[in-house]
Structure formats: C-alpha cells, structure tokens
Amino acid sequence: MQLAQLALLAVIFCLLWFALHHRSSTEARAFRRIAFLGLSVMIVLAVLFPDMLTFVANLVGIGRGADLVIYLVAIGLLFFSVSVFLKFGDMDRRLTLLGRHIALLEESGAVKNSERHGNNHDS
C-alpha cells in the first residue's frame, strides 16, 4: 500500500468519525468553516499554480494532479453526504417530537380550536 492510499484512508476515517461524533457542536461548525476556508485557498492555489498540484500529487505517490483532485473531491463529497444525512435525521427526529408535542397539547385542550387551524384573529 502506498503512502497516498494510507493518507487518504486515514483522512476518510477521521472525517467520518468527526462527522458522527461531533454533529452539532460548536467545534463541528468551526471545523466546517475552517475546512471551507482551507479548501478555498487550495482551489485558488491550484488554479494559479497547476504544476504545484502535480508536484504534491507526485510527493504522496499519486501520478497526476488531476487524480489527486478527484480523490479529494470524493472525500469531500463523502463528508458532505454523511453530514447532510445526519442533519436530515436530526431534523426528522425534531419534527416528530414537535408533532407529538402539538398532538398532546391539542388533546389536553391547551390549544384552542381556532389556533389549531391557523385562524388566529387577535390583531
């Protein structure tokens, strides 16, 4: 196994672990912002100095800079997909809890009939 393969696998597992264990913490938001900023800088550098990308790819054992970009995009897409999947799961759970809470309020009579149907005329 080459250095590049080990490094890419390590990055994949670290990002997945981070995405699964630090979903909504302040650390996760800060990490996403820093990662976005770092990615933006790397994109600008790759556009300005395309030979540097090939040099870095060769340094880690990847033949072409384009292959390195493809690997990094695949890792980014995986991280994004996992993040979106987890966020939708959290939103689904929160909506279910909200629906249950509203149903219990309606059943207990805490919510008036006019409020239930959105006919609130308390202007």
N, C-alpha and C. Protein backbone atom coordinates (compact mmCIF):
# COMPACT_ATOMS: atom_id res chain seq x y z
N MET A 1 0.84 -1.17 0.00
CA MET A 1 0.00 0.00 0.00
C MET A 1 0.89 1.24 0.00
N GLN A 2 0.56 2.20 -0.84
CA GLN A 2 1.36 3.41 -0.97
C GLN A 2 1.00 4.42 0.11
N LEU A 3 1.88 5.39 0.26
CA LEU A 3 1.67 6.46 1.24
C LEU A 3 0.36 7.19 0.97
N ALA A 4 0.07 7.47 -0.28
CA ALA A 4 -1.15 8.20 -0.63
C ALA A 4 -2.39 7.43 -0.22
N GLN A 5 -2.39 6.13 -0.43
CA GLN A 5 -3.54 5.32 -0.06
C GLN A 5 -3.76 5.34 1.44
N LEU A 6 -2.69 5.20 2.19
CA LEU A 6 -2.80 5.25 3.65
C LEU A 6 -3.29 6.61 4.13
N ALA A 7 -2.74 7.66 3.55
CA ALA A 7 -3.13 9.01 3.94
C ALA A 7 -4.60 9.28 3.62
N LEU A 8 -5.03 8.88 2.43
CA LEU A 8 -6.42 9.11 2.05
C LEU A 8 -7.38 8.30 2.91
N LEU A 9 -7.03 7.06 3.21
CA LEU A 9 -7.87 6.26 4.10
C LEU A 9 -7.93 6.86 5.50
N ALA A 10 -6.82 7.35 5.98
CA ALA A 10 -6.80 7.99 7.31
C ALA A 10 -7.68 9.23 7.32
N VAL A 11 -7.61 10.03 6.27
CA VAL A 11 -8.44 11.23 6.18
C VAL A 11 -9.92 10.84 6.14
N ILE A 12 -10.26 9.84 5.36
CA ILE A 12 -11.65 9.39 5.26
C ILE A 12 -12.18 8.95 6.62
N PHE A 13 -11.43 8.11 7.31
CA PHE A 13 -11.89 7.61 8.61
C PHE A 13 -11.96 8.72 9.65
N CYS A 14 -11.01 9.64 9.63
CA CYS A 14 -11.04 10.76 10.59
C CYS A 14 -12.24 11.66 10.34
N LEU A 15 -12.52 11.97 9.08
CA LEU A 15 -13.67 12.81 8.77
C LEU A 15 -14.98 12.13 9.13
N LEU A 16 -15.08 10.84 8.84
CA LEU A 16 -16.31 10.12 9.21
C LEU A 16 -16.49 10.08 10.72
N TRP A 17 -15.41 9.81 11.44
CA TRP A 17 -15.50 9.79 12.90
C TRP A 17 -15.93 11.16 13.42
N PHE A 18 -15.32 12.22 12.88
CA PHE A 18 -15.66 13.56 13.32
C PHE A 18 -17.12 13.87 13.01
N ALA A 19 -17.58 13.51 11.82
CA ALA A 19 -18.96 13.79 11.42
C ALA A 19 -19.95 13.04 12.30
N LEU A 20 -19.62 11.83 12.71
CA LEU A 20 -20.54 11.03 13.50
C LEU A 20 -20.54 11.41 14.98
N HIS A 21 -19.44 11.92 15.49
CA HIS A 21 -19.34 12.18 16.93
C HIS A 21 -19.47 13.64 17.32
N HIS A 22 -19.34 14.56 16.39
CA HIS A 22 -19.41 15.99 16.70
C HIS A 22 -20.42 16.65 15.77
N ARG A 23 -21.64 16.17 15.80
CA ARG A 23 -22.62 16.62 14.80
C ARG A 23 -22.98 18.08 14.91
N SER A 24 -23.42 18.53 16.06
CA SER A 24 -23.95 19.89 16.14
C SER A 24 -23.18 20.75 17.13
N SER A 25 -22.01 20.34 17.47
CA SER A 25 -21.25 21.12 18.45
C SER A 25 -20.63 22.34 17.80
N THR A 26 -20.19 23.24 18.64
CA THR A 26 -19.51 24.43 18.16
C THR A 26 -18.22 24.05 17.44
N GLU A 27 -17.56 23.00 17.94
CA GLU A 27 -16.34 22.51 17.29
C GLU A 27 -16.60 22.11 15.85
N ALA A 28 -17.73 21.43 15.63
CA ALA A 28 -18.05 20.96 14.28
C ALA A 28 -18.30 22.14 13.34
N ARG A 29 -19.02 23.15 13.83
CA ARG A 29 -19.27 24.32 12.98
C ARG A 29 -17.95 25.03 12.66
N ALA A 30 -17.10 25.16 13.66
CA ALA A 30 -15.80 25.81 13.43
C ALA A 30 -14.96 25.00 12.46
N PHE A 31 -14.98 23.68 12.61
CA PHE A 31 -14.22 22.81 11.71
C PHE A 31 -14.71 22.96 10.28
N ARG A 32 -16.02 22.99 10.09
CA ARG A 32 -16.57 23.13 8.74
C ARG A 32 -16.16 24.47 8.11
N ARG A 33 -16.17 25.53 8.91
CA ARG A 33 -15.76 26.84 8.38
C ARG A 33 -14.29 26.86 8.02
N ILE A 34 -13.46 26.29 8.89
CA ILE A 34 -12.03 26.26 8.62
C ILE A 34 -11.74 25.38 7.40
N ALA A 35 -12.43 24.25 7.30
CA ALA A 35 -12.25 23.35 6.15
C ALA A 35 -12.66 24.05 4.86
N PHE A 36 -13.76 24.79 4.90
CA PHE A 36 -14.20 25.53 3.71
C PHE A 36 -13.18 26.59 3.32
N LEU A 37 -12.66 27.32 4.30
CA LEU A 37 -11.65 28.33 4.02
C LEU A 37 -10.38 27.69 3.45
N GLY A 38 -9.94 26.59 4.06
CA GLY A 38 -8.75 25.89 3.56
C GLY A 38 -8.95 25.36 2.16
N LEU A 39 -10.12 24.81 1.90
CA LEU A 39 -10.43 24.30 0.56
C LEU A 39 -10.42 25.43 -0.46
N SER A 40 -10.97 26.58 -0.08
CA SER A 40 -10.99 27.73 -0.98
C SER A 40 -9.57 28.18 -1.32
N VAL A 41 -8.72 28.24 -0.33
CA VAL A 41 -7.32 28.64 -0.56
C VAL A 41 -6.63 27.62 -1.46
N MET A 42 -6.86 26.33 -1.22
CA MET A 42 -6.24 25.29 -2.05
C MET A 42 -6.72 25.36 -3.49
N ILE A 43 -8.00 25.68 -3.69
CA ILE A 43 -8.52 25.80 -5.06
C ILE A 43 -7.87 26.97 -5.78
N VAL A 44 -7.75 28.10 -5.10
CA VAL A 44 -7.12 29.28 -5.71
C VAL A 44 -5.67 28.96 -6.07
N LEU A 45 -4.94 28.30 -5.15
CA LEU A 45 -3.55 27.95 -5.43
C LEU A 45 -3.44 26.96 -6.60
N ALA A 46 -4.37 26.00 -6.66
CA ALA A 46 -4.34 25.02 -7.75
C ALA A 46 -4.60 25.68 -9.10
N VAL A 47 -5.47 26.71 -9.11
CA VAL A 47 -5.74 27.42 -10.35
C VAL A 47 -4.55 28.28 -10.76
N LEU A 48 -3.94 28.95 -9.77
CA LEU A 48 -2.82 29.84 -10.08
C LEU A 48 -1.53 29.07 -10.41
N PHE A 49 -1.32 27.94 -9.72
CA PHE A 49 -0.09 27.16 -9.89
C PHE A 49 -0.43 25.69 -10.14
N PRO A 50 -0.90 25.33 -11.34
CA PRO A 50 -1.31 23.94 -11.61
C PRO A 50 -0.16 22.94 -11.49
N ASP A 51 1.06 23.37 -11.75
CA ASP A 51 2.20 22.45 -11.62
C ASP A 51 2.44 22.05 -10.18
N MET A 52 2.09 22.94 -9.25
CA MET A 52 2.25 22.63 -7.83
C MET A 52 1.35 21.45 -7.43
N LEU A 53 0.18 21.37 -8.03
CA LEU A 53 -0.75 20.28 -7.74
C LEU A 53 -0.15 18.94 -8.17
N THR A 54 0.46 18.91 -9.34
CA THR A 54 1.11 17.69 -9.81
C THR A 54 2.31 17.35 -8.92
N PHE A 55 3.04 18.37 -8.49
CA PHE A 55 4.18 18.14 -7.60
C PHE A 55 3.72 17.51 -6.28
N VAL A 56 2.66 18.04 -5.70
CA VAL A 56 2.14 17.49 -4.44
C VAL A 56 1.63 16.07 -4.66
N ALA A 57 0.95 15.85 -5.78
CA ALA A 57 0.44 14.50 -6.08
C ALA A 57 1.60 13.51 -6.19
N ASN A 58 2.67 13.89 -6.88
CA ASN A 58 3.83 13.02 -7.01
C ASN A 58 4.51 12.78 -5.67
N LEU A 59 4.49 13.79 -4.81
CA LEU A 59 5.10 13.67 -3.49
C LEU A 59 4.44 12.57 -2.65
N VAL A 60 3.12 12.45 -2.77
CA VAL A 60 2.40 11.45 -1.97
C VAL A 60 2.17 10.14 -2.73
N GLY A 61 2.70 10.06 -3.94
CA GLY A 61 2.62 8.79 -4.67
C GLY A 61 1.47 8.67 -5.63
N ILE A 62 0.88 9.78 -6.00
CA ILE A 62 -0.21 9.78 -6.99
C ILE A 62 0.37 10.32 -8.29
N GLY A 63 0.01 9.70 -9.39
CA GLY A 63 0.62 10.02 -10.67
C GLY A 63 0.37 11.42 -11.19
N ARG A 64 -0.88 11.89 -11.13
CA ARG A 64 -1.21 13.19 -11.71
C ARG A 64 -1.94 14.06 -10.69
N GLY A 65 -1.85 15.36 -10.90
CA GLY A 65 -2.57 16.28 -10.04
C GLY A 65 -4.08 16.13 -10.17
N ALA A 66 -4.53 15.80 -11.39
CA ALA A 66 -5.96 15.61 -11.61
C ALA A 66 -6.50 14.43 -10.78
N ASP A 67 -5.70 13.38 -10.65
CA ASP A 67 -6.11 12.24 -9.83
C ASP A 67 -6.23 12.64 -8.37
N LEU A 68 -5.30 13.47 -7.91
CA LEU A 68 -5.36 13.96 -6.53
C LEU A 68 -6.64 14.77 -6.31
N VAL A 69 -6.97 15.61 -7.27
CA VAL A 69 -8.20 16.40 -7.17
C VAL A 69 -9.42 15.49 -7.09
N ILE A 70 -9.44 14.46 -7.92
CA ILE A 70 -10.58 13.52 -7.91
C ILE A 70 -10.70 12.84 -6.55
N TYR A 71 -9.60 12.40 -5.98
CA TYR A 71 -9.64 11.76 -4.66
C TYR A 71 -10.14 12.72 -3.60
N LEU A 72 -9.66 13.96 -3.64
CA LEU A 72 -10.07 14.94 -2.64
C LEU A 72 -11.54 15.32 -2.81
N VAL A 73 -12.01 15.41 -4.04
CA VAL A 73 -13.43 15.70 -4.28
C VAL A 73 -14.29 14.54 -3.78
N ALA A 74 -13.85 13.31 -3.99
CA ALA A 74 -14.60 12.15 -3.50
C ALA A 74 -14.68 12.17 -1.98
N ILE A 75 -13.59 12.52 -1.32
CA ILE A 75 -13.60 12.61 0.14
C ILE A 75 -14.54 13.73 0.60
N GLY A 76 -14.48 14.86 -0.06
CA GLY A 76 -15.36 15.98 0.28
C GLY A 76 -16.82 15.62 0.08
N LEU A 77 -17.12 14.93 -1.02
CA LEU A 77 -18.50 14.52 -1.28
C LEU A 77 -18.98 13.52 -0.24
N LEU A 78 -18.13 12.61 0.16
CA LEU A 78 -18.50 11.65 1.21
C LEU A 78 -18.80 12.38 2.51
N PHE A 79 -17.93 13.31 2.91
CA PHE A 79 -18.13 14.07 4.14
C PHE A 79 -19.42 14.87 4.07
N PHE A 80 -19.67 15.53 2.93
CA PHE A 80 -20.89 16.31 2.74
C PHE A 80 -22.13 15.41 2.82
N SER A 81 -22.08 14.27 2.16
CA SER A 81 -23.22 13.35 2.15
C SER A 81 -23.54 12.85 3.55
N VAL A 82 -22.53 12.47 4.29
CA VAL A 82 -22.75 11.99 5.66
C VAL A 82 -23.32 13.12 6.52
N SER A 83 -22.78 14.32 6.37
CA SER A 83 -23.27 15.46 7.15
C SER A 83 -24.73 15.75 6.85
N VAL A 84 -25.10 15.77 5.58
CA VAL A 84 -26.48 16.04 5.19
C VAL A 84 -27.40 14.91 5.68
N PHE A 85 -26.96 13.67 5.56
CA PHE A 85 -27.76 12.54 6.02
C PHE A 85 -28.03 12.65 7.52
N LEU A 86 -27.00 12.97 8.30
CA LEU A 86 -27.17 13.10 9.74
C LEU A 86 -28.04 14.30 10.09
N LYS A 87 -27.88 15.40 9.37
CA LYS A 87 -28.70 16.59 9.65
C LYS A 87 -30.17 16.31 9.35
N PHE A 88 -30.46 15.63 8.23
CA PHE A 88 -31.84 15.29 7.93
C PHE A 88 -32.42 14.34 8.97
N GLY A 89 -31.61 13.42 9.47
CA GLY A 89 -32.07 12.53 10.54
C GLY A 89 -32.41 13.30 11.80
N ASP A 90 -31.57 14.28 12.15
CA ASP A 90 -31.86 15.12 13.32
C ASP A 90 -33.12 15.94 13.11
N MET A 91 -33.28 16.50 11.92
CA MET A 91 -34.48 17.30 11.63
C MET A 91 -35.73 16.44 11.68
N ASP A 92 -35.65 15.22 11.16
CA ASP A 92 -36.79 14.31 11.19
C ASP A 92 -37.18 13.99 12.64
N ARG A 93 -36.17 13.74 13.47
CA ARG A 93 -36.42 13.43 14.87
C ARG A 93 -37.06 14.63 15.57
N ARG A 94 -36.56 15.83 15.30
CA ARG A 94 -37.10 17.04 15.93
C ARG A 94 -38.53 17.32 15.46
N LEU A 95 -38.81 17.11 14.18
CA LEU A 95 -40.17 17.30 13.67
C LEU A 95 -41.14 16.30 14.28
N THR A 96 -40.69 15.07 14.47
CA THR A 96 -41.53 14.05 15.10
C THR A 96 -41.86 14.45 16.53
N LEU A 97 -40.85 14.91 17.27
CA LEU A 97 -41.08 15.35 18.65
C LEU A 97 -42.02 16.55 18.69
N LEU A 98 -41.86 17.49 17.75
CA LEU A 98 -42.74 18.65 17.69
C LEU A 98 -44.18 18.23 17.39
N GLY A 99 -44.33 17.32 16.44
CA GLY A 99 -45.67 16.82 16.12
C GLY A 99 -46.33 16.14 17.30
N ARG A 100 -45.56 15.35 18.03
CA ARG A 100 -46.11 14.69 19.23
C ARG A 100 -46.50 15.72 20.28
N HIS A 101 -45.65 16.73 20.45
CA HIS A 101 -45.93 17.76 21.44
C HIS A 101 -47.21 18.51 21.09
N ILE A 102 -47.36 18.88 19.83
CA ILE A 102 -48.57 19.57 19.39
C ILE A 102 -49.79 18.68 19.56
N ALA A 103 -49.69 17.40 19.23
CA ALA A 103 -50.81 16.48 19.39
C ALA A 103 -51.22 16.37 20.85
N LEU A 104 -50.24 16.31 21.76
CA LEU A 104 -50.56 16.24 23.19
C LEU A 104 -51.21 17.53 23.67
N LEU A 105 -50.74 18.67 23.18
CA LEU A 105 -51.35 19.95 23.56
C LEU A 105 -52.78 20.03 23.06
N GLU A 106 -53.02 19.60 21.83
CA GLU A 106 -54.38 19.63 21.28
C GLU A 106 -55.29 18.69 22.05
N GLU A 107 -54.80 17.55 22.41
CA GLU A 107 -55.61 16.57 23.14
C GLU A 107 -55.95 17.07 24.54
N SER A 108 -55.02 17.78 25.15
CA SER A 108 -55.28 18.26 26.51
C SER A 108 -56.14 19.51 26.51
N GLY A 109 -56.41 20.07 25.35
CA GLY A 109 -57.24 21.26 25.26
C GLY A 109 -56.47 22.55 25.45
N ALA A 110 -55.17 22.48 25.52
CA ALA A 110 -54.35 23.67 25.72
C ALA A 110 -54.33 24.56 24.48
N VAL A 111 -54.63 23.99 23.34
CA VAL A 111 -54.66 24.75 22.10
C VAL A 111 -56.11 24.91 21.70
N LYS A 112 -56.54 26.16 21.48
CA LYS A 112 -57.92 26.41 21.10
C LYS A 112 -58.16 25.94 19.67
N ASN A 113 -59.41 25.70 19.35
CA ASN A 113 -59.78 25.21 18.02
C ASN A 113 -59.35 26.19 16.93
N SER A 114 -59.48 27.50 17.16
CA SER A 114 -59.12 28.48 16.13
C SER A 114 -57.61 28.50 15.91
N GLU A 115 -56.80 28.31 16.98
CA GLU A 115 -55.36 28.28 16.84
C GLU A 115 -54.90 27.03 16.10
N ARG A 116 -55.62 25.94 16.28
CA ARG A 116 -55.26 24.68 15.65
C ARG A 116 -55.31 24.79 14.13
N HIS A 117 -56.25 25.57 13.63
CA HIS A 117 -56.42 25.67 12.19
C HIS A 117 -55.81 26.94 11.61
N GLY A 118 -55.07 27.68 12.40
CA GLY A 118 -54.38 28.86 11.90
C GLY A 118 -55.28 30.07 11.72
N ASN A 119 -56.44 30.10 12.38
CA ASN A 119 -57.38 31.21 12.27
C ASN A 119 -57.26 32.12 13.47
N ASN A 120 -56.08 32.60 13.73
CA ASN A 120 -55.84 33.45 14.89
C ASN A 120 -56.09 34.90 14.49
N HIS A 121 -57.17 35.52 15.04
CA HIS A 121 -57.54 36.89 14.67
C HIS A 121 -57.38 37.84 15.85
N ASP A 122 -56.29 37.73 16.57
CA ASP A 122 -56.05 38.55 17.76
C ASP A 122 -55.28 39.81 17.42
N SER A 123 -55.58 40.48 16.34
CA SER A 123 -54.81 41.66 15.93
C SER A 123 -55.12 42.84 16.80
